[in-house]
């Protein structure tokens, strides 16, 4: 049975805020997908604590292409630079 992961403060709220731009009928799916991917990223790092890096990479991985620009814009408005994470995510996915 997988260990319950600890989340850095505010990250689950960030997911909730950022998925508000998704079409209403897909918001709960988007939240679950981002959260699940973030937890997977955390485990792949060998950690038991979800950090900002895990969440940002999960947004990049699960956000459909047509919503990527909006996702980046909203994260940038919160002071989060996605570019460094994008390079890391694309390098790791090869």
C-alpha atoms as a PDB file:
ATOM      1  CA  UNK A   1       0.000   0.000   0.000  1.00  0.00           C
ATOM      2  CA  UNK A   2       1.511   3.366  -1.014  1.00  0.00           C
ATOM      3  CA  UNK A   3       2.567   5.706   1.731  1.00  0.00           C
ATOM      4  CA  UNK A   4       0.474   8.858   2.113  1.00  0.00           C
ATOM      5  CA  UNK A   5       2.482  11.766   0.829  1.00  0.00           C
ATOM      6  CA  UNK A   6       2.979  15.050   2.629  1.00  0.00           C
ATOM      7  CA  UNK A   7       2.262  18.207   0.608  1.00  0.00           C
ATOM      8  CA  UNK A   8       4.154  21.500   0.881  1.00  0.00           C
ATOM      9  CA  UNK A   9       1.878  24.216   2.206  1.00  0.00           C
ATOM     10  CA  UNK A  10      -0.374  25.822  -0.391  1.00  0.00           C
ATOM     11  CA  UNK A  11       0.241  23.399  -3.256  1.00  0.00           C
ATOM     12  CA  UNK A  12      -3.161  21.720  -3.169  1.00  0.00           C
ATOM     13  CA  UNK A  13      -4.731  25.201  -3.134  1.00  0.00           C
ATOM     14  CA  UNK A  14      -2.563  26.129  -6.136  1.00  0.00           C
ATOM     15  CA  UNK A  15      -3.961  23.117  -8.000  1.00  0.00           C
ATOM     16  CA  UNK A  16      -7.504  24.157  -7.124  1.00  0.00           C
ATOM     17  CA  UNK A  17      -6.898  27.741  -8.264  1.00  0.00           C
ATOM     18  CA  UNK A  18      -5.117  26.803 -11.477  1.00  0.00           C
ATOM     19  CA  UNK A  19      -7.743  24.286 -12.572  1.00  0.00           C
ATOM     20  CA  UNK A  20     -10.490  26.907 -12.389  1.00  0.00           C
ATOM     21  CA  UNK A  21      -9.668  27.925 -15.977  1.00  0.00           C
ATOM     22  CA  UNK A  22     -10.525  24.405 -17.193  1.00  0.00           C
ATOM     23  CA  UNK A  23     -14.044  23.935 -18.568  1.00  0.00           C
ATOM     24  CA  UNK A  24     -16.372  23.394 -15.609  1.00  0.00           C
ATOM     25  CA  UNK A  25     -17.267  19.838 -16.576  1.00  0.00           C
ATOM     26  CA  UNK A  26     -13.569  18.854 -16.566  1.00  0.00           C
ATOM     27  CA  UNK A  27     -12.335  20.662 -13.437  1.00  0.00           C
ATOM     28  CA  UNK A  28     -12.573  17.738 -11.041  1.00  0.00           C
ATOM     29  CA  UNK A  29     -10.846  15.475 -13.574  1.00  0.00           C
ATOM     30  CA  UNK A  30      -8.142  18.122 -14.089  1.00  0.00           C
ATOM     31  CA  UNK A  31      -7.571  18.432 -10.325  1.00  0.00           C
ATOM     32  CA  UNK A  32      -7.304  14.670  -9.873  1.00  0.00           C
ATOM     33  CA  UNK A  33      -4.989  14.331 -12.872  1.00  0.00           C
ATOM     34  CA  UNK A  34      -2.623  17.088 -11.727  1.00  0.00           C
ATOM     35  CA  UNK A  35      -2.591  15.793  -8.160  1.00  0.00           C
ATOM     36  CA  UNK A  36      -2.002  12.195  -9.249  1.00  0.00           C
ATOM     37  CA  UNK A  37       0.826  13.210 -11.597  1.00  0.00           C
ATOM     38  CA  UNK A  38       2.408  15.373  -8.884  1.00  0.00           C
ATOM     39  CA  UNK A  39       2.368  12.417  -6.489  1.00  0.00           C
ATOM     40  CA  UNK A  40       3.869  10.198  -9.183  1.00  0.00           C
ATOM     41  CA  UNK A  41       6.608  12.787  -9.785  1.00  0.00           C
ATOM     42  CA  UNK A  42       7.291  12.849  -6.041  1.00  0.00           C
ATOM     43  CA  UNK A  43       7.621   9.082  -5.810  1.00  0.00           C
ATOM     44  CA  UNK A  44       9.853   9.048  -8.900  1.00  0.00           C
ATOM     45  CA  UNK A  45      12.167  11.457  -7.046  1.00  0.00           C
ATOM     46  CA  UNK A  46      12.235   9.005  -4.150  1.00  0.00           C
ATOM     47  CA  UNK A  47      10.561  11.491  -1.831  1.00  0.00           C
ATOM     48  CA  UNK A  48       7.499  11.414   0.410  1.00  0.00           C
ATOM     49  CA  UNK A  49       6.864  15.174   0.191  1.00  0.00           C
ATOM     50  CA  UNK A  50       5.175  16.835  -2.788  1.00  0.00           C
ATOM     51  CA  UNK A  51       7.004  20.036  -3.696  1.00  0.00           C
ATOM     52  CA  UNK A  52       6.390  22.898  -6.124  1.00  0.00           C
ATOM     53  CA  UNK A  53       8.604  21.217  -8.734  1.00  0.00           C
ATOM     54  CA  UNK A  54       6.333  18.143  -8.745  1.00  0.00           C
ATOM     55  CA  UNK A  55       3.175  20.209  -9.155  1.00  0.00           C
ATOM     56  CA  UNK A  56       4.534  22.453 -11.928  1.00  0.00           C
ATOM     57  CA  UNK A  57       5.812  19.452 -13.869  1.00  0.00           C
ATOM     58  CA  UNK A  58       2.420  17.810 -13.459  1.00  0.00           C
ATOM     59  CA  UNK A  59       0.665  20.895 -14.884  1.00  0.00           C
ATOM     60  CA  UNK A  60       3.001  20.741 -17.889  1.00  0.00           C
ATOM     61  CA  UNK A  61       2.449  17.003 -18.358  1.00  0.00           C
ATOM     62  CA  UNK A  62      -1.333  16.810 -18.032  1.00  0.00           C
ATOM     63  CA  UNK A  63      -2.577  20.133 -19.411  1.00  0.00           C
ATOM     64  CA  UNK A  64      -3.910  19.663 -22.945  1.00  0.00           C
ATOM     65  CA  UNK A  65      -1.929  21.502 -25.604  1.00  0.00           C
ATOM     66  CA  UNK A  66      -4.748  23.957 -26.345  1.00  0.00           C
ATOM     67  CA  UNK A  67      -4.682  25.133 -22.698  1.00  0.00           C
ATOM     68  CA  UNK A  68      -0.885  25.218 -22.223  1.00  0.00           C
ATOM     69  CA  UNK A  69      -0.500  28.941 -22.992  1.00  0.00           C
ATOM     70  CA  UNK A  70      -3.266  29.885 -20.557  1.00  0.00           C
ATOM     71  CA  UNK A  71      -1.785  27.612 -17.868  1.00  0.00           C
ATOM     72  CA  UNK A  72       1.643  29.230 -18.280  1.00  0.00           C
ATOM     73  CA  UNK A  73       0.123  32.722 -18.187  1.00  0.00           C
ATOM     74  CA  UNK A  74      -1.790  32.013 -14.978  1.00  0.00           C
ATOM     75  CA  UNK A  75       1.246  30.502 -13.269  1.00  0.00           C
ATOM     76  CA  UNK A  76       3.403  33.447 -14.379  1.00  0.00           C
ATOM     77  CA  UNK A  77       0.802  35.831 -12.893  1.00  0.00           C
ATOM     78  CA  UNK A  78       1.381  34.041  -9.569  1.00  0.00           C
ATOM     79  CA  UNK A  79       5.138  34.611  -9.920  1.00  0.00           C
ATOM     80  CA  UNK A  80       5.954  31.060 -11.008  1.00  0.00           C
ATOM     81  CA  UNK A  81       8.445  30.716 -13.874  1.00  0.00           C
ATOM     82  CA  UNK A  82       7.447  27.610 -15.818  1.00  0.00           C
ATOM     83  CA  UNK A  83      10.331  27.693 -18.313  1.00  0.00           C
ATOM     84  CA  UNK A  84      12.913  25.986 -16.112  1.00  0.00           C
ATOM     85  CA  UNK A  85      10.483  23.204 -15.327  1.00  0.00           C
ATOM     86  CA  UNK A  86       9.571  22.765 -19.004  1.00  0.00           C
ATOM     87  CA  UNK A  87      13.180  22.131 -19.968  1.00  0.00           C
ATOM     88  CA  UNK A  88      13.581  19.643 -17.118  1.00  0.00           C
ATOM     89  CA  UNK A  89      10.315  17.886 -17.916  1.00  0.00           C
ATOM     90  CA  UNK A  90      11.114  17.522 -21.633  1.00  0.00           C
ATOM     91  CA  UNK A  91      14.613  16.276 -20.875  1.00  0.00           C
ATOM     92  CA  UNK A  92      13.293  13.660 -18.446  1.00  0.00           C
ATOM     93  CA  UNK A  93      10.542  12.460 -20.800  1.00  0.00           C
ATOM     94  CA  UNK A  94      12.979  11.564 -23.615  1.00  0.00           C
END
